Amino acid sequence: MHNDVQPNCVVVSDTEYTGDSNMIPYDQYVNDNTEPVVRNNASSVSNDASMIIINEMPELTPRCDSVKEHTKVVDASLTAELAIYKKQFELYERRAKFELTIREEKIDEQLR
């Protein structure tokens, strides 16, 4: 059996709330808890390196143009080679069909 026993706590509701003494403003909290950040003023690429790259750009442009021309020549030769292979494939298919019809005729003759 359980006996209903009230706890020995007493709640006094008419006491004043005086707990603000340990509170700090949010701005102060943020300032107190920020970690110092080490700023790196040196960029990963120095200004000198950037200037060298910019100055070399006119020299790189003709190289890019020659690569484009070489690519066009290679593309044209590969396109021509592909056309040759396509024609050879068509001829091979025609021969295969023709030989098949000849074989079919021979088989038909043998079956008669």
C-alpha atoms as a PDB file:
ATOM      1  CA  MET A   1       0.000   0.000   0.000  1.00  0.00           C
ATOM      2  CA  HIS A   2       1.096   3.493  -0.793  1.00  0.00           C
ATOM      3  CA  ASN A   3       0.674   6.274   1.636  1.00  0.00           C
ATOM      4  CA  ASP A   4       0.346   9.664   0.013  1.00  0.00           C
ATOM      5  CA  VAL A   5       3.161  11.706   1.459  1.00  0.00           C
ATOM      6  CA  GLN A   6       3.731  15.296   0.510  1.00  0.00           C
ATOM      7  CA  PRO A   7       7.312  16.406  -0.100  1.00  0.00           C
ATOM      8  CA  ASN A   8       9.011  18.602   2.449  1.00  0.00           C
ATOM      9  CA  CYS A   9       9.471  21.468  -0.078  1.00  0.00           C
ATOM     10  CA  VAL A  10       7.981  24.843   0.584  1.00  0.00           C
ATOM     11  CA  VAL A  11       7.438  27.233  -2.298  1.00  0.00           C
ATOM     12  CA  VAL A  12       7.258  30.862  -1.345  1.00  0.00           C
ATOM     13  CA  SER A  13       5.744  32.884  -4.156  1.00  0.00           C
ATOM     14  CA  ASP A  14       6.004  36.329  -2.668  1.00  0.00           C
ATOM     15  CA  THR A  15       9.820  36.516  -2.802  1.00  0.00           C
ATOM     16  CA  GLU A  16      11.326  39.038  -5.194  1.00  0.00           C
ATOM     17  CA  TYR A  17      13.343  37.940  -8.186  1.00  0.00           C
ATOM     18  CA  THR A  18      16.892  39.191  -7.776  1.00  0.00           C
ATOM     19  CA  GLY A  19      18.765  36.909 -10.142  1.00  0.00           C
ATOM     20  CA  ASP A  20      19.904  39.543 -12.703  1.00  0.00           C
ATOM     21  CA  SER A  21      23.226  40.047 -10.991  1.00  0.00           C
ATOM     22  CA  ASN A  22      24.914  37.270 -12.972  1.00  0.00           C
ATOM     23  CA  MET A  23      23.607  38.367 -16.385  1.00  0.00           C
ATOM     24  CA  ILE A  24      25.697  40.276 -18.909  1.00  0.00           C
ATOM     25  CA  PRO A  25      24.605  42.036 -22.102  1.00  0.00           C
ATOM     26  CA  TYR A  26      24.797  40.047 -25.326  1.00  0.00           C
ATOM     27  CA  ASP A  27      27.364  42.423 -26.883  1.00  0.00           C
ATOM     28  CA  GLN A  28      29.690  41.918 -23.943  1.00  0.00           C
ATOM     29  CA  TYR A  29      29.254  38.134 -24.227  1.00  0.00           C
ATOM     30  CA  VAL A  30      30.162  38.221 -27.924  1.00  0.00           C
ATOM     31  CA  ASN A  31      33.195  40.424 -27.286  1.00  0.00           C
ATOM     32  CA  ASP A  32      34.397  38.235 -24.419  1.00  0.00           C
ATOM     33  CA  ASN A  33      34.039  34.989 -26.369  1.00  0.00           C
ATOM     34  CA  THR A  34      35.461  35.874 -29.745  1.00  0.00           C
ATOM     35  CA  GLU A  35      38.787  34.334 -30.559  1.00  0.00           C
ATOM     36  CA  PRO A  36      41.348  36.538 -32.236  1.00  0.00           C
ATOM     37  CA  VAL A  37      41.709  35.838 -35.914  1.00  0.00           C
ATOM     38  CA  VAL A  38      45.109  36.038 -37.515  1.00  0.00           C
ATOM     39  CA  ARG A  39      44.675  37.901 -40.744  1.00  0.00           C
ATOM     40  CA  ASN A  40      46.879  36.980 -43.637  1.00  0.00           C
ATOM     41  CA  ASN A  41      47.406  40.031 -45.764  1.00  0.00           C
ATOM     42  CA  ALA A  42      49.587  38.141 -48.226  1.00  0.00           C
ATOM     43  CA  SER A  43      47.496  36.622 -51.001  1.00  0.00           C
ATOM     44  CA  SER A  44      48.244  33.133 -52.264  1.00  0.00           C
ATOM     45  CA  VAL A  45      49.463  34.618 -55.522  1.00  0.00           C
ATOM     46  CA  SER A  46      51.571  37.696 -55.163  1.00  0.00           C
ATOM     47  CA  ASN A  47      50.965  40.754 -57.273  1.00  0.00           C
ATOM     48  CA  ASP A  48      54.218  40.118 -59.127  1.00  0.00           C
ATOM     49  CA  ALA A  49      53.072  36.672 -60.206  1.00  0.00           C
ATOM     50  CA  SER A  50      49.740  38.090 -61.336  1.00  0.00           C
ATOM     51  CA  MET A  51      51.485  40.748 -63.397  1.00  0.00           C
ATOM     52  CA  ILE A  52      53.771  38.147 -65.006  1.00  0.00           C
ATOM     53  CA  ILE A  53      50.739  36.084 -66.042  1.00  0.00           C
ATOM     54  CA  ILE A  54      48.950  39.140 -67.420  1.00  0.00           C
ATOM     55  CA  ASN A  55      52.060  40.200 -69.351  1.00  0.00           C
ATOM     56  CA  GLU A  56      52.470  36.711 -70.866  1.00  0.00           C
ATOM     57  CA  MET A  57      48.889  36.517 -72.125  1.00  0.00           C
ATOM     58  CA  PRO A  58      49.642  38.085 -75.531  1.00  0.00           C
ATOM     59  CA  GLU A  59      52.373  35.458 -76.015  1.00  0.00           C
ATOM     60  CA  LEU A  60      49.974  32.639 -75.119  1.00  0.00           C
ATOM     61  CA  THR A  61      47.300  33.682 -77.618  1.00  0.00           C
ATOM     62  CA  PRO A  62      49.212  32.615 -80.764  1.00  0.00           C
ATOM     63  CA  ARG A  63      49.971  29.259 -79.122  1.00  0.00           C
ATOM     64  CA  CYS A  64      46.274  28.740 -78.484  1.00  0.00           C
ATOM     65  CA  ASP A  65      45.506  29.649 -82.096  1.00  0.00           C
ATOM     66  CA  SER A  66      48.048  27.127 -83.393  1.00  0.00           C
ATOM     67  CA  VAL A  67      46.562  24.439 -81.154  1.00  0.00           C
ATOM     68  CA  LYS A  68      43.112  25.249 -82.559  1.00  0.00           C
ATOM     69  CA  GLU A  69      44.416  24.961 -86.134  1.00  0.00           C
ATOM     70  CA  HIS A  70      46.099  21.640 -85.350  1.00  0.00           C
ATOM     71  CA  THR A  71      42.846  20.411 -83.825  1.00  0.00           C
ATOM     72  CA  LYS A  72      40.943  21.398 -86.978  1.00  0.00           C
ATOM     73  CA  VAL A  73      43.420  19.505 -89.183  1.00  0.00           C
ATOM     74  CA  VAL A  74      43.229  16.394 -87.009  1.00  0.00           C
ATOM     75  CA  ASP A  75      39.443  16.642 -86.917  1.00  0.00           C
ATOM     76  CA  ALA A  76      39.254  16.867 -90.714  1.00  0.00           C
ATOM     77  CA  SER A  77      41.532  13.851 -91.199  1.00  0.00           C
ATOM     78  CA  LEU A  78      39.557  11.790 -88.677  1.00  0.00           C
ATOM     79  CA  THR A  79      36.294  12.778 -90.360  1.00  0.00           C
ATOM     80  CA  ALA A  80      37.662  11.655 -93.736  1.00  0.00           C
ATOM     81  CA  GLU A  81      38.890   8.370 -92.242  1.00  0.00           C
ATOM     82  CA  LEU A  82      35.480   7.790 -90.651  1.00  0.00           C
ATOM     83  CA  ALA A  83      33.771   8.327 -94.024  1.00  0.00           C
ATOM     84  CA  ILE A  84      36.076   5.704 -95.590  1.00  0.00           C
ATOM     85  CA  TYR A  85      35.238   3.196 -92.844  1.00  0.00           C
ATOM     86  CA  LYS A  86      31.516   3.876 -93.271  1.00  0.00           C
ATOM     87  CA  LYS A  87      31.759   3.128 -97.009  1.00  0.00           C
ATOM     88  CA  GLN A  88      33.735  -0.054 -96.331  1.00  0.00           C
ATOM     89  CA  PHE A  89      31.129  -1.140 -93.796  1.00  0.00           C
ATOM     90  CA  GLU A  90      28.301  -0.558 -96.279  1.00  0.00           C
ATOM     91  CA  LEU A  91      30.160  -2.641 -98.890  1.00  0.00           C
ATOM     92  CA  TYR A  92      30.736  -5.399 -96.336  1.00  0.00           C
ATOM     93  CA  GLU A  93      27.025  -5.446 -95.450  1.00  0.00           C
ATOM     94  CA  ARG A  94      26.053  -5.656 -99.145  1.00  0.00           C
ATOM     95  CA  ARG A  95      28.490  -8.536 -99.726  1.00  0.00           C
ATOM     96  CA  ALA A  96      27.212 -10.354 -96.665  1.00  0.00           C
ATOM     97  CA  LYS A  97      23.604 -10.027 -97.868  1.00  0.00           C
ATOM     98  CA  PHE A  98      24.572 -11.063-101.406  1.00  0.00           C
ATOM     99  CA  GLU A  99      26.505 -14.117-100.187  1.00  0.00           C
ATOM    100  CA  LEU A 100      23.603 -15.021 -97.950  1.00  0.00           C
ATOM    101  CA  THR A 101      21.174 -14.938-100.864  1.00  0.00           C
ATOM    102  CA  ILE A 102      23.547 -17.141-102.927  1.00  0.00           C
ATOM    103  CA  ARG A 103      23.737 -19.650-100.066  1.00  0.00           C
ATOM    104  CA  GLU A 104      19.979 -19.557 -99.682  1.00  0.00           C
ATOM    105  CA  GLU A 105      19.587 -20.331-103.395  1.00  0.00           C
ATOM    106  CA  LYS A 106      22.019 -23.275-103.126  1.00  0.00           C
ATOM    107  CA  ILE A 107      20.160 -24.631-100.114  1.00  0.00           C
ATOM    108  CA  ASP A 108      16.859 -24.266-101.960  1.00  0.00           C
ATOM    109  CA  GLU A 109      18.315 -26.157-104.960  1.00  0.00           C
ATOM    110  CA  GLN A 110      19.564 -28.949-102.722  1.00  0.00           C
ATOM    111  CA  LEU A 111      16.211 -29.276-101.001  1.00  0.00           C
ATOM    112  CA  ARG A 112      14.332 -29.634-104.324  1.00  0.00           C
END
